[in-house]
N, C-alpha and C. Protein backbone atom coordinates (compact mmCIF):
# COMPACT_ATOMS: atom_id res chain seq x y z
N MET A 1 135.69 101.34 95.54
CA MET A 1 136.52 100.16 95.58
C MET A 1 136.30 99.51 94.20
N THR A 2 137.28 99.31 93.45
CA THR A 2 137.55 98.84 92.26
C THR A 2 137.70 97.42 92.15
N GLU A 3 137.02 96.50 90.99
CA GLU A 3 137.32 95.02 90.93
C GLU A 3 138.80 94.69 91.36
N PRO A 4 140.04 95.33 90.78
CA PRO A 4 141.34 95.04 91.09
C PRO A 4 141.63 94.94 92.44
N ASP A 5 141.23 96.18 93.29
CA ASP A 5 141.45 96.36 94.70
C ASP A 5 140.84 95.09 95.29
N ILE A 6 139.50 94.47 95.49
CA ILE A 6 138.81 93.52 95.94
C ILE A 6 139.63 92.33 95.81
N ILE A 7 139.68 92.42 94.35
CA ILE A 7 140.52 90.77 93.98
C ILE A 7 141.73 90.54 94.67
N SER A 8 142.70 91.89 94.79
CA SER A 8 144.11 91.65 95.35
C SER A 8 143.65 91.40 97.02
N GLU A 9 142.69 92.13 97.64
CA GLU A 9 142.30 91.91 99.12
C GLU A 9 141.97 90.19 99.28
N ILE A 10 141.32 89.88 98.43
CA ILE A 10 140.61 88.42 98.41
C ILE A 10 141.85 87.49 98.38
N GLU A 11 142.88 87.74 97.13
CA GLU A 11 144.16 87.03 97.25
C GLU A 11 145.01 87.00 98.32
N ALA A 12 145.04 88.50 98.75
CA ALA A 12 146.03 88.48 100.31
C ALA A 12 145.48 87.54 101.28
N TYR A 13 144.19 87.57 101.50
CA TYR A 13 143.44 87.05 102.36
C TYR A 13 143.72 85.72 102.41
N CYS A 14 143.53 85.20 100.98
CA CYS A 14 143.62 83.49 100.70
C CYS A 14 145.04 83.01 101.33
N ALA A 15 145.68 83.89 100.70
CA ALA A 15 147.24 83.56 101.38
C ALA A 15 147.63 83.43 102.67
N ALA A 16 147.07 84.03 103.33
CA ALA A 16 147.21 84.06 104.91
C ALA A 16 146.45 82.96 105.44
N THR A 17 145.29 82.87 104.67
CA THR A 17 144.34 81.78 105.72
C THR A 17 144.43 80.44 105.00
N LYS A 18 144.99 80.48 103.53
CA LYS A 18 144.99 79.25 103.03
C LYS A 18 143.57 78.70 102.29
N LEU A 19 142.71 79.43 102.33
CA LEU A 19 141.31 79.41 101.77
C LEU A 19 141.67 79.45 100.31
N LYS A 20 140.61 79.06 99.53
CA LYS A 20 140.33 79.24 98.12
C LYS A 20 139.66 80.46 98.10
N PRO A 21 139.76 81.33 97.17
CA PRO A 21 138.95 82.78 96.92
C PRO A 21 137.47 82.47 96.71
N SER A 22 137.19 81.24 96.08
CA SER A 22 135.78 80.82 95.75
C SER A 22 135.14 80.44 97.34
N THR A 23 136.11 79.93 98.46
CA THR A 23 135.60 79.63 99.49
C THR A 23 135.24 81.19 100.22
N VAL A 24 136.06 81.98 100.26
CA VAL A 24 135.95 83.21 100.87
C VAL A 24 134.57 83.75 100.04
N CYS A 25 134.50 84.03 98.97
CA CYS A 25 133.18 84.34 98.52
C CYS A 25 131.89 83.78 98.67
N VAL A 26 132.09 82.35 98.91
CA VAL A 26 130.76 81.58 99.53
C VAL A 26 130.41 82.10 100.71
N ARG A 27 131.62 82.22 101.84
CA ARG A 27 131.45 82.43 103.38
C ARG A 27 131.02 84.07 103.27
N ALA A 28 131.26 84.70 102.57
CA ALA A 28 131.13 86.16 102.54
C ALA A 28 129.74 86.79 101.76
N THR A 29 129.53 85.81 100.67
CA THR A 29 128.33 86.59 99.79
C THR A 29 127.30 85.17 99.51
N GLY A 30 127.83 83.96 99.81
CA GLY A 30 127.09 82.89 99.53
C GLY A 30 127.53 82.70 97.89
N SER A 31 127.90 83.02 97.14
CA SER A 31 128.24 82.75 95.86
C SER A 31 129.79 82.34 95.37
N SER A 32 129.90 81.42 94.86
CA SER A 32 131.38 80.81 94.62
C SER A 32 131.62 81.28 93.61
N ARG A 33 131.11 81.86 92.84
CA ARG A 33 131.14 82.37 91.19
C ARG A 33 131.71 83.83 91.42
N LEU A 34 131.59 84.68 92.51
CA LEU A 34 131.82 85.97 92.87
C LEU A 34 133.21 86.48 92.10
N ILE A 35 134.06 85.64 92.69
CA ILE A 35 135.59 85.93 92.21
C ILE A 35 135.91 85.96 90.67
N ALA A 36 135.03 84.88 89.99
CA ALA A 36 135.58 84.55 88.68
C ALA A 36 134.61 85.79 87.90
N ARG A 37 133.54 86.31 88.42
CA ARG A 37 133.02 87.32 87.96
C ARG A 37 133.59 88.57 88.27
N LEU A 38 134.28 88.66 89.05
CA LEU A 38 135.02 90.16 89.53
C LEU A 38 136.36 90.25 88.83
N LYS A 39 136.72 89.04 88.16
CA LYS A 39 137.78 89.10 87.51
C LYS A 39 137.65 89.31 86.06
N ARG A 40 136.49 88.48 85.53
CA ARG A 40 135.71 88.86 83.99
C ARG A 40 135.58 90.74 83.98
N ARG A 41 134.90 90.85 85.18
CA ARG A 41 134.49 92.43 84.96
C ARG A 41 135.78 93.26 84.97
N ALA A 42 136.74 92.80 85.67
CA ALA A 42 137.92 93.97 85.52
C ALA A 42 138.61 93.80 84.38
N GLU A 43 138.53 92.69 83.47
CA GLU A 43 139.20 92.51 82.38
C GLU A 43 138.34 93.35 81.47
N GLN A 44 137.01 93.25 81.55
CA GLN A 44 136.37 93.89 80.54
C GLN A 44 136.63 95.55 80.87
N ASN A 45 136.43 95.89 81.92
CA ASN A 45 136.38 97.27 82.43
C ASN A 45 137.89 97.81 81.72
N ALA A 46 139.06 97.06 81.98
CA ALA A 46 140.20 97.39 81.24
C ALA A 46 140.07 97.58 79.97
N LYS A 47 139.73 96.70 79.13
CA LYS A 47 139.30 96.31 77.82
C LYS A 47 138.64 97.97 77.56
N ASP A 48 137.56 98.12 78.25
CA ASP A 48 136.70 99.39 77.62
C ASP A 48 137.53 100.78 77.81
N ALA A 49 138.21 100.54 79.23
CA ALA A 49 138.86 101.80 79.22
C ALA A 49 140.34 102.14 78.04
N LYS A 50 140.94 101.02 77.62
CA LYS A 50 141.63 101.26 76.79
C LYS A 50 140.98 101.89 75.17
N ARG A 51 139.88 101.20 74.82
CA ARG A 51 138.98 101.68 73.75
C ARG A 51 138.88 103.16 73.62
N ILE A 52 138.31 103.44 74.99
CA ILE A 52 137.97 104.92 75.19
C ILE A 52 139.19 105.79 75.15
N ARG A 53 140.33 105.44 75.81
CA ARG A 53 141.64 106.13 75.52
C ARG A 53 142.04 106.21 74.28
N GLU A 54 141.66 105.24 73.36
CA GLU A 54 142.11 105.36 72.16
C GLU A 54 141.30 106.31 71.27
N PHE A 55 140.01 106.16 71.33
CA PHE A 55 139.14 106.83 71.03
C PHE A 55 139.18 108.56 71.22
N ILE A 56 139.59 108.85 72.38
CA ILE A 56 139.88 110.05 72.71
C ILE A 56 141.21 110.33 72.19
N ALA A 57 142.47 110.11 72.09
CA ALA A 57 143.48 110.33 71.29
C ALA A 57 143.24 110.38 69.65
N ALA A 58 142.50 109.69 69.35
CA ALA A 58 142.26 109.69 67.80
C ALA A 58 141.19 110.79 67.57
N ASN A 59 140.40 111.47 68.52
CA ASN A 59 139.55 112.38 68.07
C ASN A 59 139.58 113.34 69.46
N PRO A 60 140.99 114.12 69.17
CA PRO A 60 141.26 115.37 70.22
C PRO A 60 139.91 116.28 70.25
N PRO A 61 139.99 117.29 71.19
CA PRO A 61 138.97 118.34 71.04
C PRO A 61 139.61 119.20 70.24
N PRO A 62 138.81 120.07 69.60
CA PRO A 62 139.15 121.01 68.41
C PRO A 62 139.88 122.21 69.57
N PRO A 63 140.89 123.01 68.57
CA PRO A 63 141.59 124.05 69.50
C PRO A 63 140.48 125.12 69.77
N GLU A 64 141.16 125.82 70.74
CA GLU A 64 140.12 126.71 71.49
C GLU A 64 139.81 127.80 70.50
N ALA A 65 139.78 128.44 69.24
CA ALA A 65 139.52 129.16 68.36
C ALA A 65 138.52 128.51 67.43
N SER A 66 138.53 127.23 67.35
CA SER A 66 137.50 126.53 66.82
C SER A 66 136.45 126.27 67.66
N ARG A 67 136.40 125.93 68.59
CA ARG A 67 135.07 126.07 69.77
C ARG A 67 134.87 127.53 70.05
N ASP A 68 135.39 128.56 69.99
CA ASP A 68 134.76 129.95 70.26
C ASP A 68 134.08 130.08 68.99
N GLU A 69 134.62 129.86 67.94
CA GLU A 69 133.84 130.18 66.42
C GLU A 69 132.40 129.27 66.48
N ALA A 70 132.52 128.17 66.92
CA ALA A 70 131.51 127.02 66.98
C ALA A 70 130.62 127.46 67.98
N ALA A 71 130.70 128.06 69.09
CA ALA A 71 129.75 128.62 69.96
C ALA A 71 129.23 129.85 69.53
N ALA A 72 129.53 130.62 68.68
CA ALA A 72 129.36 131.60 68.26
C ALA A 72 128.34 131.71 67.23
């Protein structure tokens, strides 16, 4: 399960029960700050994934012939 998945589940539960996300997290884990940490982590993961994709796009693997020559 990823952070966006659990965040969505918490938010859906809160909408149905009229509880605050921090209340749900306190009752479930003892941490009122968990929802904020999950959201920050999800944002950071999205930023990291974007940077990795940009790197891969800017540094494509060499063509097959070049890899075969390099291996020889």
